[in-house]
Protein backbone atom coordinates (compact mmCIF):
# COMPACT_ATOMS: atom_id res chain seq x y z
CA UNK A 1 15.98 -11.11 11.00
CA UNK A 2 18.44 -8.91 9.14
CA UNK A 3 18.40 -9.68 5.42
CA UNK A 4 21.17 -9.20 2.92
CA UNK A 5 19.82 -6.65 0.41
CA UNK A 6 19.76 -9.22 -2.39
CA UNK A 7 18.41 -12.11 -0.27
CA UNK A 8 14.86 -13.22 -0.99
CA UNK A 9 12.44 -14.33 1.69
CA UNK A 10 12.78 -18.12 1.84
CA UNK A 11 9.56 -18.87 3.69
CA UNK A 12 6.21 -17.72 2.46
CA UNK A 13 4.92 -14.77 4.46
CA UNK A 14 1.67 -14.98 6.34
CA UNK A 15 -0.64 -12.48 4.67
CA UNK A 16 -3.68 -11.24 6.55
CA UNK A 17 -6.43 -8.71 6.02
CA UNK A 18 -6.70 -6.71 9.21
CA UNK A 19 -10.04 -6.36 10.92
CA UNK A 20 -11.12 -3.85 13.56
CA UNK A 21 -9.88 -6.09 16.38
CA UNK A 22 -6.34 -5.73 14.94
CA UNK A 23 -6.36 -1.94 15.10
CA UNK A 24 -3.20 -1.80 17.28
CA UNK A 25 -1.18 -3.81 14.74
CA UNK A 26 -2.51 -1.57 11.97
CA UNK A 27 -1.65 1.55 13.93
CA UNK A 28 1.89 0.33 14.70
CA UNK A 29 2.83 -0.47 11.08
CA UNK A 30 1.27 2.76 9.78
CA UNK A 31 3.13 4.86 12.34
CA UNK A 32 6.35 3.08 11.43
CA UNK A 33 5.67 3.78 7.75
CA UNK A 34 5.01 7.48 8.32
CA UNK A 35 8.05 7.81 10.56
CA UNK A 36 10.33 5.90 8.15
CA UNK A 37 9.16 7.45 4.85
CA UNK A 38 7.29 10.68 5.59
CA UNK A 39 7.44 11.92 1.99
CA UNK A 40 5.85 8.74 0.62
CA UNK A 41 2.40 9.26 2.12
CA UNK A 42 -0.35 11.84 2.04
CA UNK A 43 -0.88 11.61 5.80
CA UNK A 44 1.57 12.60 8.51
CA UNK A 45 2.87 10.71 11.52
CA UNK A 46 1.60 13.48 13.80
CA UNK A 47 -2.00 13.28 12.59
CA UNK A 48 -2.03 9.49 12.40
CA UNK A 49 -0.72 9.26 15.97
CA UNK A 50 -3.73 11.28 17.18
CA UNK A 51 -6.31 8.90 15.71
CA UNK A 52 -8.37 7.17 18.35
CA UNK A 53 -9.04 3.47 18.70
CA UNK A 54 -12.61 4.11 17.53
CA UNK A 55 -11.37 5.86 14.35
CA UNK A 56 -8.99 3.03 13.57
CA UNK A 57 -11.64 0.38 14.19
CA UNK A 58 -14.12 2.27 11.99
CA UNK A 59 -11.60 2.47 9.15
CA UNK A 60 -10.84 -1.25 9.37
CA UNK A 61 -14.60 -2.02 9.43
CA UNK A 62 -15.30 -0.14 6.20
CA UNK A 63 -16.15 -2.70 3.47
CA UNK A 64 -14.57 -0.41 0.85
CA UNK A 65 -11.23 -0.28 2.69
CA UNK A 66 -8.78 -3.16 3.09
CA UNK A 67 -5.49 -3.25 4.96
CA UNK A 68 -3.24 -6.21 4.21
CA UNK A 69 -0.13 -7.12 6.16
CA UNK A 70 2.63 -9.61 5.46
CA UNK A 71 4.31 -11.21 8.44
CA UNK A 72 7.60 -13.05 8.69
CA UNK A 73 8.10 -15.03 11.90
CA UNK A 74 5.06 -13.23 13.39
CA UNK A 75 6.65 -9.82 12.72
CA UNK A 76 4.53 -7.41 10.69
CA UNK A 77 6.92 -6.51 7.91
CA UNK A 78 4.83 -5.04 5.10
CA UNK A 79 1.53 -3.18 4.63
CA UNK A 80 -0.66 -2.51 1.60
CA UNK A 81 -3.99 -0.66 1.72
CA UNK A 82 -6.61 -0.18 -0.96
CA UNK A 83 -9.88 1.70 -1.19
CA UNK A 84 -12.76 1.00 -3.52
CA UNK A 85 -14.56 3.86 -5.19
CA UNK A 86 -18.26 4.10 -4.41
CA UNK A 87 -19.71 6.57 -6.99
CA UNK A 88 -21.40 4.62 -9.80
CA UNK A 89 -19.31 5.92 -12.69
CA UNK A 90 -16.01 5.01 -11.02
CA UNK A 91 -17.00 1.94 -9.01
CA UNK A 92 -14.82 -0.13 -11.34
CA UNK A 93 -11.75 1.56 -9.81
CA UNK A 94 -9.66 0.77 -6.76
CA UNK A 95 -6.87 2.87 -5.37
CA UNK A 96 -3.88 1.49 -3.55
CA UNK A 97 -3.31 4.22 -1.00
CA UNK A 98 -0.45 2.83 1.07
CA UNK A 99 2.40 0.45 0.46
CA UNK A 100 5.18 0.06 2.99
CA UNK A 101 7.82 -2.54 3.71
CA UNK A 102 9.92 -2.33 6.85
CA UNK A 103 13.47 -1.35 5.77
CA UNK A 104 14.76 -4.58 7.33
CA UNK A 105 12.79 -6.56 4.71
CA UNK A 106 13.19 -4.37 1.62
CA UNK A 107 14.61 -5.87 -1.57
CA UNK A 108 13.57 -9.30 -0.36
CA UNK A 109 10.49 -9.73 -2.58
CA UNK A 110 8.11 -9.34 0.35
CA UNK A 111 6.37 -6.19 -0.90
CA UNK A 112 5.86 -7.78 -4.30
CA UNK A 113 4.35 -10.92 -2.74
CA UNK A 114 1.99 -8.80 -0.66
CA UNK A 115 0.91 -6.71 -3.65
CA UNK A 116 0.37 -9.81 -5.77
CA UNK A 117 -2.11 -11.01 -3.12
CA UNK A 118 -3.84 -7.62 -3.06
CA UNK A 119 -4.06 -7.54 -6.87
CA UNK A 120 -5.33 -11.15 -7.00
CA UNK A 121 -8.09 -10.22 -4.55
CA UNK A 122 -8.97 -7.09 -6.51
CA UNK A 123 -9.04 -9.12 -9.73
CA UNK A 124 -11.56 -11.48 -8.10
CA UNK A 125 -13.88 -8.54 -7.38
CA UNK A 126 -16.33 -8.57 -10.31
CA UNK A 127 -16.62 -4.78 -10.35
CA UNK A 128 -12.92 -3.88 -10.41
CA UNK A 129 -11.17 -3.40 -13.77
CA UNK A 130 -8.74 -0.58 -12.91
CA UNK A 131 -6.29 -0.13 -10.04
CA UNK A 132 -4.37 3.06 -9.52
CA UNK A 133 -1.64 4.28 -7.21
CA UNK A 134 0.88 7.07 -6.93
CA UNK A 135 4.53 6.87 -5.98
CA UNK A 136 7.20 9.51 -5.50
CA UNK A 137 8.85 10.03 -8.91
CA UNK A 138 12.34 9.37 -7.57
CA UNK A 139 11.42 6.07 -5.89
CA UNK A 140 12.85 3.91 -8.67
CA UNK A 141 12.75 0.64 -6.71
CA UNK A 142 9.01 0.96 -6.03
CA UNK A 143 8.26 2.07 -9.60
CA UNK A 144 10.12 -0.96 -10.98
CA UNK A 145 8.18 -3.28 -8.69
CA UNK A 146 4.87 -1.74 -9.77
CA UNK A 147 5.84 -2.03 -13.44
CA UNK A 148 6.77 -5.70 -12.88
CA UNK A 149 3.24 -6.19 -11.54
CA UNK A 150 1.73 -4.61 -14.67
CA UNK A 151 1.30 -0.97 -13.66
CA UNK A 152 1.98 1.68 -16.29
CA UNK A 153 2.83 5.29 -15.56
CA UNK A 154 0.03 7.47 -16.88
CA UNK A 155 0.98 10.89 -15.54
CA UNK A 156 2.77 13.03 -13.00
CA UNK A 157 1.09 14.72 -10.06
CA UNK A 158 3.22 17.84 -9.80
CA UNK A 159 3.82 19.00 -6.24
CA UNK A 160 1.31 16.44 -5.00
CA UNK A 161 2.87 15.88 -1.58
CA UNK A 162 4.16 18.63 0.71
CA UNK A 163 6.29 17.74 3.74
CA UNK A 164 8.04 20.36 5.89
CA UNK A 165 7.49 23.03 3.26
CA UNK A 166 9.02 20.98 0.40
CA UNK A 167 6.96 19.68 -2.52
CA UNK A 168 7.31 16.23 -4.08
CA UNK A 169 6.04 15.05 -7.45
CA UNK A 170 4.19 11.74 -7.67
CA UNK A 171 4.09 9.35 -10.61
CA UNK A 172 0.51 8.24 -11.29
CA UNK A 173 0.34 4.57 -12.26
CA UNK A 174 -2.55 2.40 -13.47
CA UNK A 175 -3.15 -1.28 -13.91
CA UNK A 176 -6.04 -2.36 -16.11
CA UNK A 177 -7.39 -5.89 -15.84
CA UNK A 178 -7.69 -6.23 -19.62
CA UNK A 179 -9.18 -9.73 -19.33
CA UNK A 180 -12.19 -8.25 -17.55
CA UNK A 181 -13.07 -5.56 -20.12
């Protein structure tokens, strides 16, 4: 399904939260993400590839970790992952640690639909009032999408990511659920 860059997804994607039994699907989309956009993530393809089935299943079993995928025609096309903070003084915070949309589906609205679902679920969590993420400072398309969803840039993580000896700055962005304060 090759999309014109300005074409929106016409059918609603199937959005699922992956469980431990779906570890292979999780592994495949993460490896594709790390291979496609190595400077967008804190982890590397090489290290992720070495993770065992047991490690993947354990991660997907953690109640403070959620991996969402959006599928179009049964093809996993987008991934979003969040982690909840456990320490008492920051348990109101969640961090979106991974967002990836297959290049074939970018600029179609799919990533935004997936993140809206993630944010709706986080909003339903009675503890969560703040969501944070970081994005490479030069990734204007992603930053615009996050801003459209209500995120505000609150800082710059200088030289936060290092890939092949080169440093990349990350924009730190927050979303506060003001209605829950």
